[in-house]
N, C-alpha and C. Protein backbone atom coordinates (compact mmCIF):
# COMPACT_ATOMS: atom_id res chain seq x y z
N MET A 1 1.12 15.75 -43.10
CA MET A 1 1.05 17.04 -42.44
C MET A 1 -0.26 17.19 -41.67
N SER A 2 -1.34 16.66 -42.24
CA SER A 2 -2.63 16.79 -41.55
C SER A 2 -2.67 15.95 -40.28
N GLY A 3 -1.84 14.89 -40.23
CA GLY A 3 -1.77 14.07 -39.01
C GLY A 3 -1.18 14.84 -37.85
N LEU A 4 -0.21 15.71 -38.14
CA LEU A 4 0.40 16.52 -37.09
C LEU A 4 -0.59 17.51 -36.49
N LEU A 5 -1.52 17.98 -37.32
CA LEU A 5 -2.52 18.92 -36.81
C LEU A 5 -3.44 18.25 -35.78
N LEU A 6 -3.51 16.95 -35.81
CA LEU A 6 -4.30 16.21 -34.83
C LEU A 6 -3.43 15.75 -33.66
N LEU A 7 -2.23 15.27 -33.94
CA LEU A 7 -1.40 14.67 -32.91
C LEU A 7 -0.78 15.70 -31.96
N ILE A 8 -0.42 16.86 -32.44
CA ILE A 8 0.20 17.87 -31.57
C ILE A 8 -0.76 18.34 -30.48
N PRO A 9 -2.01 18.69 -30.79
CA PRO A 9 -2.92 19.08 -29.70
C PRO A 9 -3.22 17.93 -28.73
N ILE A 10 -3.28 16.70 -29.24
CA ILE A 10 -3.50 15.56 -28.35
C ILE A 10 -2.32 15.39 -27.40
N ALA A 11 -1.09 15.51 -27.92
CA ALA A 11 0.10 15.38 -27.08
C ALA A 11 0.17 16.51 -26.04
N LEU A 12 -0.17 17.72 -26.45
CA LEU A 12 -0.16 18.83 -25.50
C LEU A 12 -1.24 18.65 -24.42
N GLY A 13 -2.39 18.14 -24.82
CA GLY A 13 -3.46 17.89 -23.85
C GLY A 13 -3.07 16.81 -22.85
N MET A 14 -2.44 15.74 -23.33
CA MET A 14 -2.00 14.69 -22.43
C MET A 14 -0.91 15.19 -21.48
N GLY A 15 -0.01 16.04 -21.98
CA GLY A 15 1.00 16.62 -21.12
C GLY A 15 0.40 17.52 -20.06
N LEU A 16 -0.63 18.27 -20.43
CA LEU A 16 -1.31 19.13 -19.47
C LEU A 16 -2.03 18.31 -18.41
N ILE A 17 -2.65 17.22 -18.81
CA ILE A 17 -3.31 16.33 -17.84
C ILE A 17 -2.29 15.74 -16.87
N GLY A 18 -1.13 15.33 -17.38
CA GLY A 18 -0.07 14.81 -16.51
C GLY A 18 0.45 15.84 -15.55
N LEU A 19 0.60 17.07 -16.01
CA LEU A 19 1.08 18.15 -15.14
C LEU A 19 0.06 18.44 -14.05
N ILE A 20 -1.20 18.47 -14.40
CA ILE A 20 -2.26 18.71 -13.40
C ILE A 20 -2.29 17.58 -12.38
N ALA A 21 -2.14 16.33 -12.83
CA ALA A 21 -2.13 15.19 -11.91
C ALA A 21 -0.94 15.27 -10.96
N PHE A 22 0.23 15.67 -11.48
CA PHE A 22 1.40 15.80 -10.61
C PHE A 22 1.21 16.91 -9.59
N LEU A 23 0.70 18.05 -10.01
CA LEU A 23 0.48 19.15 -9.07
C LEU A 23 -0.54 18.78 -8.01
N TRP A 24 -1.60 18.05 -8.39
CA TRP A 24 -2.58 17.60 -7.41
C TRP A 24 -1.93 16.66 -6.39
N ALA A 25 -1.11 15.72 -6.87
CA ALA A 25 -0.45 14.78 -5.97
C ALA A 25 0.52 15.49 -5.03
N ALA A 26 1.24 16.47 -5.53
CA ALA A 26 2.19 17.20 -4.70
C ALA A 26 1.47 18.02 -3.63
N ARG A 27 0.36 18.63 -3.98
CA ARG A 27 -0.38 19.44 -3.01
C ARG A 27 -1.13 18.60 -1.99
N SER A 28 -1.50 17.38 -2.35
CA SER A 28 -2.25 16.54 -1.41
C SER A 28 -1.35 15.74 -0.49
N GLY A 29 -0.03 15.91 -0.61
CA GLY A 29 0.90 15.28 0.33
C GLY A 29 1.37 13.90 -0.07
N GLN A 30 1.28 13.54 -1.31
CA GLN A 30 1.69 12.21 -1.75
C GLN A 30 3.21 12.02 -1.67
N PHE A 31 3.97 13.09 -1.70
CA PHE A 31 5.43 13.00 -1.72
C PHE A 31 6.07 13.53 -0.44
N ASP A 32 5.30 13.62 0.64
CA ASP A 32 5.83 14.18 1.88
C ASP A 32 6.85 13.28 2.56
N ASP A 33 6.66 11.97 2.53
CA ASP A 33 7.54 11.05 3.24
C ASP A 33 7.98 9.91 2.32
N PRO A 34 8.90 10.18 1.40
CA PRO A 34 9.29 9.13 0.45
C PRO A 34 10.09 8.00 1.09
N ASP A 35 10.79 8.24 2.20
CA ASP A 35 11.60 7.20 2.83
C ASP A 35 10.83 6.43 3.89
N GLY A 36 9.67 6.89 4.26
CA GLY A 36 8.90 6.24 5.33
C GLY A 36 8.51 4.82 4.99
N ALA A 37 8.00 4.59 3.79
CA ALA A 37 7.58 3.25 3.41
C ALA A 37 8.77 2.31 3.28
N ALA A 38 9.91 2.84 2.87
CA ALA A 38 11.09 2.00 2.70
C ALA A 38 11.65 1.53 4.04
N THR A 39 11.57 2.36 5.06
CA THR A 39 12.11 1.97 6.36
C THR A 39 11.06 1.37 7.28
N ARG A 40 9.79 1.55 6.95
CA ARG A 40 8.73 1.02 7.81
C ARG A 40 8.76 -0.49 7.87
N ILE A 41 9.20 -1.13 6.80
CA ILE A 41 9.23 -2.59 6.80
C ILE A 41 10.32 -3.13 7.73
N LEU A 42 11.32 -2.31 8.04
CA LEU A 42 12.41 -2.75 8.89
C LEU A 42 12.09 -2.64 10.37
N VAL A 43 11.05 -1.89 10.72
CA VAL A 43 10.69 -1.68 12.12
C VAL A 43 9.76 -2.80 12.56
N ASP A 44 10.12 -3.46 13.66
CA ASP A 44 9.30 -4.56 14.16
C ASP A 44 8.49 -4.05 15.34
N GLU A 45 7.22 -3.81 15.12
CA GLU A 45 6.36 -3.33 16.17
C GLU A 45 5.30 -4.35 16.56
N ASP A 46 5.55 -5.60 16.26
CA ASP A 46 4.57 -6.64 16.61
C ASP A 46 4.53 -6.82 18.12
N ARG A 47 3.33 -6.86 18.62
CA ARG A 47 3.14 -7.10 20.06
C ARG A 47 2.77 -8.56 20.24
N PRO A 48 3.27 -9.19 21.29
CA PRO A 48 2.89 -10.59 21.51
C PRO A 48 1.40 -10.69 21.87
N LEU A 49 0.80 -11.79 21.49
CA LEU A 49 -0.59 -12.00 21.80
C LEU A 49 -0.77 -12.25 23.30
N PRO A 50 -1.87 -11.81 23.88
CA PRO A 50 -2.09 -12.09 25.30
C PRO A 50 -2.36 -13.57 25.49
N PRO A 51 -2.06 -14.08 26.67
CA PRO A 51 -2.30 -15.51 26.90
C PRO A 51 -3.78 -15.83 26.75
N SER A 52 -4.05 -16.93 26.11
CA SER A 52 -5.43 -17.33 25.87
C SER A 52 -5.97 -18.04 27.10
N GLU A 53 -7.23 -17.77 27.41
CA GLU A 53 -7.87 -18.43 28.56
C GLU A 53 -8.47 -19.76 28.16
N ASN A 54 -8.68 -19.99 26.91
CA ASN A 54 -9.22 -21.25 26.43
C ASN A 54 -8.08 -22.19 26.11
N HIS A 55 -7.87 -23.17 26.94
CA HIS A 55 -6.79 -24.14 26.73
C HIS A 55 -7.43 -25.45 26.31
N ASP A 56 -7.99 -25.48 25.11
CA ASP A 56 -8.67 -26.67 24.64
C ASP A 56 -7.71 -27.84 24.45
N SER A 57 -6.47 -27.56 24.10
CA SER A 57 -5.52 -28.64 23.86
C SER A 57 -5.02 -29.26 25.15
N GLU A 58 -5.18 -28.59 26.29
CA GLU A 58 -4.67 -29.12 27.57
C GLU A 58 -5.70 -29.97 28.30
N GLU A 59 -6.94 -30.02 27.83
CA GLU A 59 -7.97 -30.77 28.56
C GLU A 59 -7.85 -32.24 28.38
């Protein structure tokens, strides 16, 4: 029984810390674009490199 007197406040404190962390993340915009990262990998925005003026292999 004395163990519960210690464990219950610890569990409630950890739950409160988790709730505060979630609210901070939600207010700071961490969950604004959940699909953006998933579709960003599918978009190919690579630009070709400009032609190099140093043609060391052609000399």
